[in-house]
Amino acid sequence: GLFEASQLEELVALCEQRQGFAPSVQRQASGDVIVDQHRTSSSCPMLWPLMTPKDRLEQLRSMGGNEAKLASQIEKELQAVEAVQRRCAEVIGVDENRIEPLQLVKYLPG
């Protein structure tokens, strides 16, 4: 396959740990965005390495305590995302920086 099952499981676990999954929305013809009760999907935008300054992670880490823990969690997610982005870039033959931000989508059974 394109990815190892463990890579995908890690991405899902990271989203669930930070409670990142939210009901998917639908845009109406009027432009309004609603949560349609008939939709069974939820989505989680992954952290985007290009928008996460390394100096900010260093600041958090140097603060110790909860901030240092947060920096570690962010870094773990960024590493997982970067691995997937590298693989996508390799498969389609482009630079990693050209890969769009990742978003996970999951569906309820049925």
N, C-alpha and C. Protein backbone atom coordinates (compact mmCIF):
# COMPACT_ATOMS: atom_id res chain seq x y z
N GLY A 1 0.80 -1.18 0.00
CA GLY A 1 0.00 0.00 0.00
C GLY A 1 0.86 1.26 0.00
N LEU A 2 0.19 2.32 -0.11
CA LEU A 2 0.84 3.64 -0.13
C LEU A 2 1.46 3.98 1.23
N PHE A 3 0.77 3.60 2.32
CA PHE A 3 1.23 3.88 3.67
C PHE A 3 1.17 2.62 4.51
N GLU A 4 1.97 2.59 5.56
CA GLU A 4 1.89 1.51 6.55
C GLU A 4 0.64 1.76 7.40
N ALA A 5 -0.04 0.69 7.77
CA ALA A 5 -1.23 0.84 8.62
C ALA A 5 -0.89 1.58 9.91
N SER A 6 0.28 1.35 10.45
CA SER A 6 0.67 2.00 11.71
C SER A 6 0.77 3.52 11.55
N GLN A 7 1.19 3.99 10.36
CA GLN A 7 1.26 5.44 10.12
C GLN A 7 -0.13 6.05 10.18
N LEU A 8 -1.09 5.40 9.53
CA LEU A 8 -2.45 5.92 9.49
C LEU A 8 -3.10 5.86 10.87
N GLU A 9 -2.84 4.77 11.59
CA GLU A 9 -3.38 4.64 12.94
C GLU A 9 -2.82 5.74 13.85
N GLU A 10 -1.55 6.07 13.66
CA GLU A 10 -0.94 7.13 14.47
C GLU A 10 -1.60 8.48 14.19
N LEU A 11 -1.88 8.78 12.92
CA LEU A 11 -2.53 10.05 12.59
C LEU A 11 -3.91 10.14 13.24
N VAL A 12 -4.67 9.06 13.16
CA VAL A 12 -6.01 9.04 13.77
C VAL A 12 -5.88 9.22 15.29
N ALA A 13 -4.94 8.51 15.90
CA ALA A 13 -4.76 8.61 17.35
C ALA A 13 -4.37 10.04 17.76
N LEU A 14 -3.51 10.68 16.98
CA LEU A 14 -3.11 12.05 17.28
C LEU A 14 -4.30 12.99 17.23
N CYS A 15 -5.15 12.83 16.24
CA CYS A 15 -6.36 13.67 16.15
C CYS A 15 -7.29 13.42 17.32
N GLU A 16 -7.45 12.15 17.66
CA GLU A 16 -8.35 11.82 18.76
C GLU A 16 -7.80 12.33 20.09
N GLN A 17 -6.49 12.26 20.30
CA GLN A 17 -5.89 12.75 21.54
C GLN A 17 -6.16 14.23 21.77
N ARG A 18 -6.14 15.00 20.71
CA ARG A 18 -6.37 16.44 20.88
C ARG A 18 -7.81 16.82 20.57
N GLN A 19 -8.67 15.80 20.46
CA GLN A 19 -10.09 16.00 20.20
C GLN A 19 -10.30 16.89 18.98
N GLY A 20 -9.56 16.56 17.91
CA GLY A 20 -9.56 17.38 16.71
C GLY A 20 -10.66 17.06 15.71
N PHE A 21 -11.32 15.91 15.87
CA PHE A 21 -12.39 15.57 14.93
C PHE A 21 -13.63 16.39 15.23
N ALA A 22 -14.20 17.01 14.20
CA ALA A 22 -15.42 17.80 14.32
C ALA A 22 -16.37 17.38 13.21
N PRO A 23 -17.67 17.48 13.43
CA PRO A 23 -18.61 17.10 12.37
C PRO A 23 -18.31 17.85 11.07
N SER A 24 -18.37 17.12 9.96
CA SER A 24 -18.16 17.76 8.66
C SER A 24 -19.32 18.69 8.37
N VAL A 25 -19.02 19.80 7.72
CA VAL A 25 -20.04 20.80 7.43
C VAL A 25 -20.39 20.77 5.94
N GLN A 26 -21.49 21.41 5.64
CA GLN A 26 -21.97 21.50 4.26
C GLN A 26 -22.28 22.96 3.96
N ARG A 27 -21.85 23.41 2.79
CA ARG A 27 -22.13 24.79 2.38
C ARG A 27 -23.42 24.81 1.57
N GLN A 28 -24.35 25.63 2.01
CA GLN A 28 -25.64 25.80 1.33
C GLN A 28 -25.45 26.71 0.10
N ALA A 29 -26.42 26.70 -0.80
CA ALA A 29 -26.39 27.57 -1.97
C ALA A 29 -26.30 29.04 -1.55
N SER A 30 -26.86 29.36 -0.38
CA SER A 30 -26.85 30.74 0.12
C SER A 30 -25.46 31.14 0.64
N GLY A 31 -24.58 30.14 0.80
CA GLY A 31 -23.27 30.42 1.35
C GLY A 31 -23.15 30.07 2.82
N ASP A 32 -24.31 29.83 3.47
CA ASP A 32 -24.29 29.44 4.88
C ASP A 32 -23.64 28.07 5.03
N VAL A 33 -22.94 27.89 6.13
CA VAL A 33 -22.31 26.61 6.45
C VAL A 33 -23.10 25.98 7.58
N ILE A 34 -23.53 24.73 7.37
CA ILE A 34 -24.33 24.04 8.39
C ILE A 34 -23.77 22.64 8.64
N VAL A 35 -24.12 22.09 9.80
CA VAL A 35 -23.85 20.69 10.08
C VAL A 35 -25.12 19.94 9.72
N ASP A 36 -25.03 19.11 8.68
CA ASP A 36 -26.17 18.33 8.22
C ASP A 36 -26.25 17.05 9.05
N GLN A 37 -27.36 16.84 9.72
CA GLN A 37 -27.52 15.68 10.61
C GLN A 37 -27.50 14.35 9.85
N HIS A 38 -27.64 14.40 8.52
CA HIS A 38 -27.62 13.17 7.72
C HIS A 38 -26.20 12.73 7.37
N ARG A 39 -25.26 13.64 7.51
CA ARG A 39 -23.87 13.30 7.21
C ARG A 39 -23.29 12.51 8.37
N THR A 40 -22.49 11.51 8.05
CA THR A 40 -21.91 10.67 9.09
C THR A 40 -20.40 10.90 9.23
N SER A 41 -19.89 11.92 8.58
CA SER A 41 -18.44 12.12 8.61
C SER A 41 -18.03 13.22 9.59
N SER A 42 -16.80 13.07 10.05
CA SER A 42 -16.17 14.12 10.84
C SER A 42 -14.75 14.27 10.30
N SER A 43 -14.18 15.44 10.49
CA SER A 43 -12.85 15.68 9.92
C SER A 43 -11.94 16.33 10.95
N CYS A 44 -10.65 16.18 10.70
CA CYS A 44 -9.63 16.75 11.59
C CYS A 44 -8.49 17.30 10.74
N PRO A 45 -8.30 18.61 10.74
CA PRO A 45 -7.14 19.16 10.03
C PRO A 45 -5.88 18.86 10.84
N MET A 46 -4.88 18.33 10.18
CA MET A 46 -3.61 18.03 10.84
C MET A 46 -2.77 19.30 10.90
N LEU A 47 -1.87 19.37 11.86
CA LEU A 47 -0.95 20.50 11.93
C LEU A 47 -0.12 20.54 10.66
N TRP A 48 0.19 21.72 10.20
CA TRP A 48 0.91 21.88 8.94
C TRP A 48 2.32 22.36 9.25
N PRO A 49 3.33 21.54 8.91
CA PRO A 49 4.71 21.91 9.24
C PRO A 49 5.13 23.29 8.75
N LEU A 50 4.66 23.70 7.58
CA LEU A 50 5.05 25.01 7.06
C LEU A 50 4.53 26.17 7.89
N MET A 51 3.51 25.92 8.69
CA MET A 51 2.90 26.99 9.49
C MET A 51 3.20 26.83 10.98
N THR A 52 4.18 26.01 11.31
CA THR A 52 4.52 25.78 12.71
C THR A 52 5.97 26.16 12.93
N PRO A 53 6.22 27.38 13.37
CA PRO A 53 7.60 27.85 13.55
C PRO A 53 8.35 27.03 14.60
N LYS A 54 9.54 26.57 14.24
CA LYS A 54 10.35 25.78 15.16
C LYS A 54 10.78 26.60 16.37
N ASP A 55 10.97 27.90 16.20
CA ASP A 55 11.36 28.72 17.35
C ASP A 55 10.23 28.79 18.38
N ARG A 56 8.99 28.72 17.93
CA ARG A 56 7.86 28.72 18.87
C ARG A 56 7.84 27.42 19.67
N LEU A 57 8.16 26.31 19.02
CA LEU A 57 8.24 25.04 19.74
C LEU A 57 9.35 25.10 20.80
N GLU A 58 10.46 25.71 20.44
CA GLU A 58 11.58 25.86 21.39
C GLU A 58 11.16 26.72 22.59
N GLN A 59 10.40 27.78 22.33
CA GLN A 59 9.90 28.63 23.42
C GLN A 59 9.03 27.82 24.38
N LEU A 60 8.11 27.06 23.80
CA LEU A 60 7.22 26.24 24.63
C LEU A 60 8.03 25.23 25.45
N ARG A 61 8.97 24.58 24.79
CA ARG A 61 9.78 23.57 25.46
C ARG A 61 10.56 24.18 26.62
N SER A 62 11.09 25.39 26.44
CA SER A 62 11.90 26.03 27.47
C SER A 62 11.06 26.48 28.67
N MET A 63 9.75 26.58 28.51
CA MET A 63 8.88 27.00 29.60
C MET A 63 8.65 25.88 30.61
N GLY A 64 8.91 24.64 30.18
CA GLY A 64 8.70 23.51 31.08
C GLY A 64 7.24 23.21 31.30
N GLY A 65 6.96 22.26 32.15
CA GLY A 65 5.59 21.93 32.55
C GLY A 65 4.68 21.56 31.38
N ASN A 66 3.45 22.08 31.45
CA ASN A 66 2.45 21.78 30.42
C ASN A 66 2.85 22.28 29.04
N GLU A 67 3.54 23.41 29.01
CA GLU A 67 3.98 23.96 27.73
C GLU A 67 4.98 23.03 27.05
N ALA A 68 5.90 22.47 27.82
CA ALA A 68 6.87 21.53 27.26
C ALA A 68 6.17 20.26 26.77
N LYS A 69 5.18 19.83 27.51
CA LYS A 69 4.40 18.66 27.09
C LYS A 69 3.66 18.95 25.78
N LEU A 70 3.09 20.14 25.68
CA LEU A 70 2.40 20.54 24.45
C LEU A 70 3.37 20.57 23.28
N ALA A 71 4.57 21.10 23.49
CA ALA A 71 5.58 21.14 22.43
C ALA A 71 5.91 19.73 21.95
N SER A 72 6.00 18.79 22.86
CA SER A 72 6.29 17.39 22.49
C SER A 72 5.15 16.80 21.67
N GLN A 73 3.91 17.09 22.07
CA GLN A 73 2.75 16.57 21.34
C GLN A 73 2.70 17.16 19.92
N ILE A 74 2.97 18.45 19.82
CA ILE A 74 2.98 19.11 18.51
C ILE A 74 4.07 18.51 17.64
N GLU A 75 5.24 18.34 18.21
CA GLU A 75 6.36 17.79 17.46
C GLU A 75 6.08 16.37 16.97
N LYS A 76 5.43 15.59 17.81
CA LYS A 76 5.06 14.21 17.42
C LYS A 76 4.11 14.23 16.22
N GLU A 77 3.11 15.11 16.27
CA GLU A 77 2.16 15.20 15.15
C GLU A 77 2.86 15.70 13.89
N LEU A 78 3.71 16.70 14.04
CA LEU A 78 4.43 17.23 12.87
C LEU A 78 5.30 16.16 12.22
N GLN A 79 5.95 15.34 13.02
CA GLN A 79 6.79 14.27 12.47
C GLN A 79 5.95 13.25 11.71
N ALA A 80 4.78 12.91 12.24
CA ALA A 80 3.90 11.97 11.56
C ALA A 80 3.38 12.55 10.25
N VAL A 81 3.01 13.82 10.29
CA VAL A 81 2.51 14.50 9.08
C VAL A 81 3.62 14.61 8.03
N GLU A 82 4.81 14.97 8.46
CA GLU A 82 5.93 15.11 7.52
C GLU A 82 6.24 13.78 6.83
N ALA A 83 6.13 12.67 7.54
CA ALA A 83 6.38 11.36 6.94
C ALA A 83 5.36 11.07 5.83
N VAL A 84 4.11 11.41 6.09
CA VAL A 84 3.07 11.19 5.09
C VAL A 84 3.26 12.15 3.91
N GLN A 85 3.60 13.39 4.19
CA GLN A 85 3.84 14.36 3.12
C GLN A 85 5.01 13.93 2.24
N ARG A 86 6.08 13.43 2.87
CA ARG A 86 7.24 12.95 2.10
C ARG A 86 6.83 11.83 1.15
N ARG A 87 6.03 10.91 1.67
CA ARG A 87 5.58 9.78 0.84
C ARG A 87 4.70 10.27 -0.32
N CYS A 88 3.79 11.18 -0.05
CA CYS A 88 2.93 11.74 -1.11
C CYS A 88 3.78 12.44 -2.17
N ALA A 89 4.72 13.24 -1.72
CA ALA A 89 5.59 13.97 -2.65
C ALA A 89 6.41 13.00 -3.50
N GLU A 90 6.90 11.95 -2.87
CA GLU A 90 7.68 10.94 -3.58
C GLU A 90 6.85 10.26 -4.67
N VAL A 91 5.63 9.89 -4.33
CA VAL A 91 4.76 9.18 -5.27
C VAL A 91 4.38 10.04 -6.47
N ILE A 92 4.10 11.31 -6.23
CA ILE A 92 3.67 12.17 -7.35
C ILE A 92 4.80 12.97 -7.96
N GLY A 93 5.99 12.88 -7.37
CA GLY A 93 7.16 13.51 -7.96
C GLY A 93 7.23 15.01 -7.83
N VAL A 94 6.87 15.53 -6.65
CA VAL A 94 6.96 16.97 -6.41
C VAL A 94 7.72 17.22 -5.11
N ASP A 95 8.09 18.46 -4.87
CA ASP A 95 8.72 18.85 -3.62
C ASP A 95 7.69 18.75 -2.49
N GLU A 96 8.16 18.35 -1.31
CA GLU A 96 7.26 18.21 -0.15
C GLU A 96 6.49 19.48 0.16
N ASN A 97 7.09 20.63 -0.07
CA ASN A 97 6.44 21.90 0.23
C ASN A 97 5.23 22.17 -0.65
N ARG A 98 5.05 21.37 -1.69
CA ARG A 98 3.90 21.56 -2.59
C ARG A 98 2.70 20.70 -2.19
N ILE A 99 2.86 19.92 -1.13
CA ILE A 99 1.76 19.07 -0.67
C ILE A 99 0.83 19.90 0.21
N GLU A 100 -0.45 19.81 -0.08
CA GLU A 100 -1.47 20.55 0.67
C GLU A 100 -1.53 20.06 2.12
N PRO A 101 -2.04 20.88 3.02
CA PRO A 101 -2.22 20.44 4.41
C PRO A 101 -3.11 19.19 4.46
N LEU A 102 -2.76 18.28 5.37
CA LEU A 102 -3.54 17.04 5.49
C LEU A 102 -4.78 17.26 6.33
N GLN A 103 -5.81 16.52 5.97
CA GLN A 103 -7.05 16.52 6.74
C GLN A 103 -7.55 15.08 6.77
N LEU A 104 -7.82 14.58 7.95
CA LEU A 104 -8.38 13.23 8.08
C LEU A 104 -9.90 13.33 8.08
N VAL A 105 -10.54 12.36 7.46
CA VAL A 105 -11.99 12.27 7.46
C VAL A 105 -12.35 10.85 7.88
N LYS A 106 -13.28 10.74 8.82
CA LYS A 106 -13.75 9.42 9.22
C LYS A 106 -15.27 9.41 9.19
N TYR A 107 -15.81 8.21 9.04
CA TYR A 107 -17.25 8.03 8.89
C TYR A 107 -17.78 7.09 9.96
N LEU A 108 -19.00 7.34 10.39
CA LEU A 108 -19.67 6.40 11.29
C LEU A 108 -20.06 5.18 10.47
N PRO A 109 -20.19 4.02 11.10
CA PRO A 109 -20.63 2.82 10.34
C PRO A 109 -22.00 3.05 9.72
N GLY A 110 -22.21 2.41 8.60
CA GLY A 110 -23.54 2.45 7.98
C GLY A 110 -23.53 3.29 6.82
